[in-house]
């Protein structure tokens, strides 16, 4: 090993050691930087694509079996608290595509085979697209338990700083769309885990990607869900997104039926 390489490796070790004992002030500074990038992405308008894997075990599902769902979005747009996208679900050999729209804290859905729209409360459906909820992601960053320093890395769009965020319990509940309180909340938090990696592009610190991993068990039925959601974002000019004038209000569980 050459002396130059040895010095380089030593420097990497020292940087890692320094990063493991971050002050709260440093974390707050990085948190504000990431939060501002998230705010800019939705206030100025963005185009996005999304890939999400959902694995469900336990509960009413027979032992040894699981439900695996793969959802993708290839051409979505968002601005402020609204979004418009086509949501394709693949489960085994079956697939279905839905037109979706987010506005006024409601999710609007229309199956490609249907003529009318359905709608339900947005917070109850976050598990369908947690990384897309940029307002909630921003809140999660500002209230995070910990935030890492920005490590330089590479994504499809180019070089970026990667910040790893450990969500606080309240935000984890919202990201997983699991309504719990009292003793059931304690049960949920014993098994709930989450990590969010947020990538800011170099140079400019514009939001480039969000990767979100979550694990949680619904205490009401013992159903365990694992989520891996990836959202790629780029600046775009987005026109006003208006909700459908006539949509049938349904329960969250019926929004895709």
Protein backbone atom coordinates (compact mmCIF):
# COMPACT_ATOMS: atom_id res chain seq x y z
CA UNK A 1 0.00 0.00 0.00
CA UNK A 2 1.44 3.37 -0.98
CA UNK A 3 1.85 6.12 1.60
CA UNK A 4 -0.62 8.34 -0.30
CA UNK A 5 -3.29 5.63 -0.30
CA UNK A 6 -2.74 4.94 3.40
CA UNK A 7 -3.14 8.63 4.21
CA UNK A 8 -6.32 8.74 2.13
CA UNK A 9 -7.82 5.78 3.93
CA UNK A 10 -6.89 7.27 7.28
CA UNK A 11 -8.66 10.46 6.29
CA UNK A 12 -11.81 8.51 5.41
CA UNK A 13 -11.72 6.76 8.79
CA UNK A 14 -11.31 10.08 10.61
CA UNK A 15 -14.19 11.62 8.65
CA UNK A 16 -16.42 8.66 9.54
CA UNK A 17 -15.47 8.97 13.20
CA UNK A 18 -16.27 12.67 13.19
CA UNK A 19 -19.61 12.00 11.51
CA UNK A 20 -20.62 9.56 14.25
CA UNK A 21 -20.60 12.26 16.94
CA UNK A 22 -22.49 15.13 15.33
CA UNK A 23 -23.64 18.06 17.40
CA UNK A 24 -27.31 19.02 17.49
CA UNK A 25 -26.38 22.35 15.91
CA UNK A 26 -24.82 20.58 12.91
CA UNK A 27 -27.87 18.35 12.54
CA UNK A 28 -30.22 21.33 12.74
CA UNK A 29 -28.20 23.15 10.07
CA UNK A 30 -28.38 20.20 7.67
CA UNK A 31 -32.04 19.66 8.51
CA UNK A 32 -32.88 23.23 7.50
CA UNK A 33 -30.93 22.83 4.25
CA UNK A 34 -32.79 19.62 3.33
CA UNK A 35 -36.14 21.07 4.41
CA UNK A 36 -35.61 24.10 2.16
CA UNK A 37 -34.80 21.84 -0.81
CA UNK A 38 -38.03 19.92 -0.19
CA UNK A 39 -40.04 23.14 0.11
CA UNK A 40 -38.57 24.46 -3.14
CA UNK A 41 -39.37 21.21 -4.97
CA UNK A 42 -43.09 21.43 -4.25
CA UNK A 43 -43.55 25.21 -4.20
CA UNK A 44 -41.81 25.76 -7.56
CA UNK A 45 -43.19 22.64 -9.27
CA UNK A 46 -41.56 19.30 -10.13
CA UNK A 47 -41.86 16.29 -12.37
CA UNK A 48 -41.32 12.92 -10.75
CA UNK A 49 -41.15 9.19 -11.16
CA UNK A 50 -41.67 6.68 -8.38
CA UNK A 51 -40.98 3.03 -7.66
CA UNK A 52 -42.51 1.35 -4.61
CA UNK A 53 -42.34 -2.16 -3.22
CA UNK A 54 -44.86 -3.27 -0.58
CA UNK A 55 -44.68 -6.58 1.30
CA UNK A 56 -47.50 -7.57 3.67
CA UNK A 57 -47.30 -10.51 6.09
CA UNK A 58 -49.34 -11.82 9.00
CA UNK A 59 -52.77 -10.63 10.00
CA UNK A 60 -55.42 -12.38 7.91
CA UNK A 61 -52.80 -13.69 5.47
CA UNK A 62 -52.17 -17.46 5.90
CA UNK A 63 -48.90 -18.44 7.55
CA UNK A 64 -46.05 -18.83 5.07
CA UNK A 65 -47.74 -16.58 2.51
CA UNK A 66 -47.36 -12.89 1.70
CA UNK A 67 -48.79 -10.18 -0.50
CA UNK A 68 -46.24 -8.44 -2.69
CA UNK A 69 -47.21 -5.32 -4.59
CA UNK A 70 -45.05 -3.30 -6.99
CA UNK A 71 -46.26 0.19 -7.86
CA UNK A 72 -44.70 2.59 -10.37
CA UNK A 73 -45.22 6.13 -11.61
CA UNK A 74 -43.34 7.25 -14.72
CA UNK A 75 -44.77 10.67 -15.57
CA UNK A 76 -46.08 12.49 -12.49
CA UNK A 77 -46.13 16.22 -11.73
CA UNK A 78 -46.60 18.05 -8.43
CA UNK A 79 -46.91 21.58 -7.15
CA UNK A 80 -47.63 22.84 -3.64
CA UNK A 81 -50.20 20.46 -2.10
CA UNK A 82 -51.37 18.97 -5.42
CA UNK A 83 -50.12 16.19 -7.71
CA UNK A 84 -51.26 14.36 -10.85
CA UNK A 85 -49.97 10.95 -11.95
CA UNK A 86 -50.75 7.51 -13.37
CA UNK A 87 -50.24 4.79 -10.75
CA UNK A 88 -49.55 1.29 -12.06
CA UNK A 89 -49.85 -1.66 -9.67
CA UNK A 90 -48.33 -5.06 -10.43
CA UNK A 91 -49.19 -8.06 -8.23
CA UNK A 92 -48.03 -11.40 -9.55
CA UNK A 93 -49.24 -11.71 -13.14
CA UNK A 94 -51.97 -9.11 -12.68
CA UNK A 95 -51.66 -5.36 -13.19
CA UNK A 96 -53.92 -2.34 -13.05
CA UNK A 97 -53.43 1.36 -13.79
CA UNK A 98 -55.19 4.19 -11.98
CA UNK A 99 -55.34 7.89 -12.70
CA UNK A 100 -54.63 9.67 -9.40
CA UNK A 101 -54.83 13.27 -8.31
CA UNK A 102 -54.03 14.87 -4.96
CA UNK A 103 -55.73 18.14 -4.02
CA UNK A 104 -57.44 19.74 -1.04
CA UNK A 105 -56.04 17.04 1.31
CA UNK A 106 -57.95 14.40 -0.66
CA UNK A 107 -56.82 11.58 -2.94
CA UNK A 108 -58.87 11.24 -6.14
CA UNK A 109 -58.71 7.94 -8.03
CA UNK A 110 -60.16 6.69 -11.30
CA UNK A 111 -59.50 3.21 -12.64
CA UNK A 112 -58.71 3.16 -16.37
CA UNK A 113 -61.74 0.86 -16.79
CA UNK A 114 -64.11 3.21 -14.88
CA UNK A 115 -65.86 6.43 -15.86
CA UNK A 116 -66.19 8.11 -12.46
CA UNK A 117 -63.79 9.28 -9.78
CA UNK A 118 -63.58 8.17 -6.14
CA UNK A 119 -62.08 10.21 -3.33
CA UNK A 120 -60.92 9.68 0.24
CA UNK A 121 -58.90 11.49 2.90
CA UNK A 122 -55.25 11.90 1.91
CA UNK A 123 -53.63 11.05 5.31
CA UNK A 124 -55.27 7.60 5.28
CA UNK A 125 -53.62 6.64 1.98
CA UNK A 126 -50.03 7.82 2.52
CA UNK A 127 -48.73 4.24 2.55
CA UNK A 128 -49.48 4.11 -1.22
CA UNK A 129 -46.84 6.79 -1.91
CA UNK A 130 -45.06 7.95 1.29
CA UNK A 131 -42.08 9.49 -0.50
CA UNK A 132 -44.44 11.62 -2.61
CA UNK A 133 -45.82 13.38 0.48
CA UNK A 134 -43.14 16.09 0.33
CA UNK A 135 -44.93 18.15 2.96
CA UNK A 136 -44.82 15.24 5.38
CA UNK A 137 -41.24 14.36 4.40
CA UNK A 138 -40.22 17.96 5.13
CA UNK A 139 -41.92 17.82 8.52
CA UNK A 140 -40.16 14.51 9.20
CA UNK A 141 -36.79 16.11 8.47
CA UNK A 142 -37.43 19.06 10.78
CA UNK A 143 -38.57 16.77 13.63
CA UNK A 144 -36.11 13.93 12.95
CA UNK A 145 -34.39 12.00 15.70
CA UNK A 146 -31.08 12.22 13.81
CA UNK A 147 -29.74 13.55 10.50
CA UNK A 148 -26.39 12.48 9.06
CA UNK A 149 -23.87 14.73 7.35
CA UNK A 150 -24.20 14.96 3.57
CA UNK A 151 -21.97 12.29 2.01
CA UNK A 152 -21.10 12.75 -1.66
CA UNK A 153 -22.52 10.01 -3.89
CA UNK A 154 -23.92 9.45 -7.38
CA UNK A 155 -27.49 8.94 -8.60
CA UNK A 156 -28.98 8.80 -12.10
CA UNK A 157 -29.23 12.59 -12.31
CA UNK A 158 -25.56 13.11 -11.35
CA UNK A 159 -23.62 13.77 -8.16
CA UNK A 160 -25.48 14.48 -4.94
CA UNK A 161 -25.11 14.85 -1.19
CA UNK A 162 -26.89 12.03 0.64
CA UNK A 163 -28.52 12.81 4.00
CA UNK A 164 -29.82 9.93 6.12
CA UNK A 165 -32.80 10.81 8.33
CA UNK A 166 -34.19 8.75 11.22
CA UNK A 167 -37.89 9.72 11.59
CA UNK A 168 -39.41 10.49 14.98
CA UNK A 169 -42.28 8.18 16.09
CA UNK A 170 -45.14 10.58 15.23
CA UNK A 171 -43.96 11.01 11.64
CA UNK A 172 -43.39 7.28 11.25
CA UNK A 173 -47.03 6.67 12.14
CA UNK A 174 -48.16 9.17 9.51
CA UNK A 175 -45.87 7.79 6.80
CA UNK A 176 -47.21 4.27 7.37
CA UNK A 177 -50.88 5.41 7.57
CA UNK A 178 -51.42 3.40 10.74
CA UNK A 179 -53.79 5.10 13.19
CA UNK A 180 -52.79 4.13 16.72
CA UNK A 181 -53.26 5.58 20.18
CA UNK A 182 -52.86 4.62 23.83
CA UNK A 183 -51.47 1.14 24.48
CA UNK A 184 -51.72 0.20 20.78
CA UNK A 185 -49.38 3.07 19.95
CA UNK A 186 -46.81 1.64 22.35
CA UNK A 187 -47.15 -1.75 20.65
CA UNK A 188 -46.69 -0.21 17.20
CA UNK A 189 -43.60 1.78 18.17
CA UNK A 190 -41.86 -1.32 19.58
CA UNK A 191 -41.60 -2.79 16.07
CA UNK A 192 -41.81 0.27 13.79
CA UNK A 193 -38.61 1.19 11.98
CA UNK A 194 -37.87 3.73 9.30
CA UNK A 195 -35.02 5.38 7.43
CA UNK A 196 -35.10 8.11 4.84
CA UNK A 197 -32.22 8.92 2.48
CA UNK A 198 -32.54 12.31 0.78
CA UNK A 199 -30.28 13.33 -2.10
CA UNK A 200 -29.54 16.99 -2.92
CA UNK A 201 -27.92 17.60 -6.28
CA UNK A 202 -24.41 19.05 -6.61
CA UNK A 203 -24.15 21.93 -7.28
CA UNK A 204 -27.30 23.81 -6.27
CA UNK A 205 -28.72 21.61 -3.48
CA UNK A 206 -31.90 20.89 -5.47
CA UNK A 207 -33.88 17.82 -4.44
CA UNK A 208 -32.94 14.84 -6.62
CA UNK A 209 -34.17 11.70 -4.90
CA UNK A 210 -35.88 10.34 -1.79
CA UNK A 211 -35.47 6.72 -0.69
CA UNK A 212 -37.71 5.60 2.15
CA UNK A 213 -37.62 2.25 3.98
CA UNK A 214 -40.24 1.42 6.59
CA UNK A 215 -41.27 -1.55 8.69
CA UNK A 216 -44.30 -1.66 10.97
CA UNK A 217 -46.95 -3.94 12.45
CA UNK A 218 -50.60 -2.91 12.73
CA UNK A 219 -51.52 -3.73 16.36
CA UNK A 220 -55.20 -4.10 15.47
CA UNK A 221 -54.68 -7.25 13.37
CA UNK A 222 -50.98 -8.16 13.54
CA UNK A 223 -50.45 -7.30 9.88
CA UNK A 224 -46.80 -6.53 9.15
CA UNK A 225 -45.89 -4.25 6.27
CA UNK A 226 -42.53 -3.48 4.73
CA UNK A 227 -42.24 -0.53 2.32
CA UNK A 228 -39.43 0.59 0.03
CA UNK A 229 -40.35 3.79 -1.81
CA UNK A 230 -38.08 5.71 -4.19
CA UNK A 231 -38.99 9.08 -5.68
CA UNK A 232 -36.88 10.81 -8.35
CA UNK A 233 -37.58 14.53 -8.79
CA UNK A 234 -36.57 17.24 -11.26
CA UNK A 235 -37.69 20.89 -11.59
CA UNK A 236 -40.57 21.41 -14.05
CA UNK A 237 -43.15 23.98 -15.03
CA UNK A 238 -46.45 22.66 -13.68
CA UNK A 239 -49.82 24.18 -14.49
CA UNK A 240 -52.64 24.38 -11.95
CA UNK A 241 -53.96 20.96 -10.86
CA UNK A 242 -57.70 21.00 -10.21
CA UNK A 243 -59.71 18.23 -8.48
CA UNK A 244 -62.57 16.48 -10.34
CA UNK A 245 -65.90 18.29 -9.92
CA UNK A 246 -67.84 15.09 -9.17
CA UNK A 247 -66.22 12.33 -7.12
CA UNK A 248 -67.76 9.67 -4.90
CA UNK A 249 -66.55 9.79 -1.29
CA UNK A 250 -65.45 6.32 -0.13
CA UNK A 251 -63.61 4.73 2.80
CA UNK A 252 -59.80 4.49 2.38
CA UNK A 253 -60.02 0.67 2.07
CA UNK A 254 -62.33 1.05 -0.97
CA UNK A 255 -60.35 3.62 -2.94
CA UNK A 256 -58.78 1.04 -5.30
CA UNK A 257 -61.73 -1.38 -5.57
